[in-house]
């Protein structure tokens, strides 16, 4: 499950403003949290947009 940028705009006010040299936007972090909650960190369930699961592992 991933939320779209349009969906994120509805809850963006709940997240802190980015500071420093962060390289991950809040939307990407939120989608990663949702992935872990849904799949329980199973490597083989990793979305293709992150690359081959074995390479990421």
C-alpha atoms as a PDB file:
ATOM      1  CA  UNK A   1       0.000   0.000   0.000  1.00  0.00           C
ATOM      2  CA  UNK A   2       1.388   3.372  -0.985  1.00  0.00           C
ATOM      3  CA  UNK A   3      -0.241   6.737  -0.698  1.00  0.00           C
ATOM      4  CA  UNK A   4      -0.115   9.254  -3.506  1.00  0.00           C
ATOM      5  CA  UNK A   5       1.276  12.783  -3.236  1.00  0.00           C
ATOM      6  CA  UNK A   6      -2.302  14.088  -3.333  1.00  0.00           C
ATOM      7  CA  UNK A   7      -3.253  11.901  -0.359  1.00  0.00           C
ATOM      8  CA  UNK A   8      -0.110  12.930   1.482  1.00  0.00           C
ATOM      9  CA  UNK A   9      -1.012  16.625   1.147  1.00  0.00           C
ATOM     10  CA  UNK A  10      -4.036  15.962   3.369  1.00  0.00           C
ATOM     11  CA  UNK A  11      -1.811  14.808   6.269  1.00  0.00           C
ATOM     12  CA  UNK A  12       1.411  16.732   5.526  1.00  0.00           C
ATOM     13  CA  UNK A  13       0.732  19.171   8.361  1.00  0.00           C
ATOM     14  CA  UNK A  14       1.192  16.277  10.846  1.00  0.00           C
ATOM     15  CA  UNK A  15       4.836  15.733   9.865  1.00  0.00           C
ATOM     16  CA  UNK A  16       7.832  17.817  10.904  1.00  0.00           C
ATOM     17  CA  UNK A  17       9.486  20.170   8.441  1.00  0.00           C
ATOM     18  CA  UNK A  18      12.645  18.787   6.840  1.00  0.00           C
ATOM     19  CA  UNK A  19      15.841  20.170   8.367  1.00  0.00           C
ATOM     20  CA  UNK A  20      19.497  19.650   7.653  1.00  0.00           C
ATOM     21  CA  UNK A  21      20.689  17.382   4.902  1.00  0.00           C
ATOM     22  CA  UNK A  22      17.865  14.840   4.872  1.00  0.00           C
ATOM     23  CA  UNK A  23      17.710  12.897   1.653  1.00  0.00           C
ATOM     24  CA  UNK A  24      14.308  11.239   2.114  1.00  0.00           C
ATOM     25  CA  UNK A  25      11.069  13.170   1.771  1.00  0.00           C
ATOM     26  CA  UNK A  26       8.347  12.554   4.366  1.00  0.00           C
ATOM     27  CA  UNK A  27       6.136  10.895   1.741  1.00  0.00           C
ATOM     28  CA  UNK A  28       8.777   8.247   1.060  1.00  0.00           C
ATOM     29  CA  UNK A  29       9.281   7.623   4.789  1.00  0.00           C
ATOM     30  CA  UNK A  30       5.529   7.308   5.336  1.00  0.00           C
ATOM     31  CA  UNK A  31       5.238   4.824   2.468  1.00  0.00           C
ATOM     32  CA  UNK A  32       8.113   2.795   3.942  1.00  0.00           C
ATOM     33  CA  UNK A  33       6.359   2.701   7.328  1.00  0.00           C
ATOM     34  CA  UNK A  34       3.126   1.569   5.673  1.00  0.00           C
ATOM     35  CA  UNK A  35       5.043  -1.132   3.788  1.00  0.00           C
ATOM     36  CA  UNK A  36       6.530  -2.523   7.015  1.00  0.00           C
ATOM     37  CA  UNK A  37       3.147  -2.419   8.764  1.00  0.00           C
ATOM     38  CA  UNK A  38       1.466  -4.257   5.893  1.00  0.00           C
ATOM     39  CA  UNK A  39       4.123  -6.846   5.031  1.00  0.00           C
ATOM     40  CA  UNK A  40       6.071  -7.353   8.217  1.00  0.00           C
ATOM     41  CA  UNK A  41       9.416  -6.621   6.504  1.00  0.00           C
ATOM     42  CA  UNK A  42       9.369  -9.573   4.123  1.00  0.00           C
ATOM     43  CA  UNK A  43      12.151  -8.966   1.623  1.00  0.00           C
ATOM     44  CA  UNK A  44      10.399 -10.762  -1.208  1.00  0.00           C
ATOM     45  CA  UNK A  45       7.406  -8.465  -0.877  1.00  0.00           C
ATOM     46  CA  UNK A  46       9.517  -5.373  -1.555  1.00  0.00           C
ATOM     47  CA  UNK A  47       7.994  -3.171  -4.289  1.00  0.00           C
ATOM     48  CA  UNK A  48       9.848  -3.229  -7.602  1.00  0.00           C
ATOM     49  CA  UNK A  49      10.450   0.518  -7.357  1.00  0.00           C
ATOM     50  CA  UNK A  50      13.070  -0.177  -4.661  1.00  0.00           C
ATOM     51  CA  UNK A  51      14.982  -2.651  -6.813  1.00  0.00           C
ATOM     52  CA  UNK A  52      15.356  -6.429  -6.707  1.00  0.00           C
ATOM     53  CA  UNK A  53      14.770  -7.667  -3.157  1.00  0.00           C
ATOM     54  CA  UNK A  54      17.984  -9.685  -3.064  1.00  0.00           C
ATOM     55  CA  UNK A  55      20.076  -6.666  -4.045  1.00  0.00           C
ATOM     56  CA  UNK A  56      18.424  -4.497  -1.388  1.00  0.00           C
ATOM     57  CA  UNK A  57      18.930  -7.230   1.219  1.00  0.00           C
END
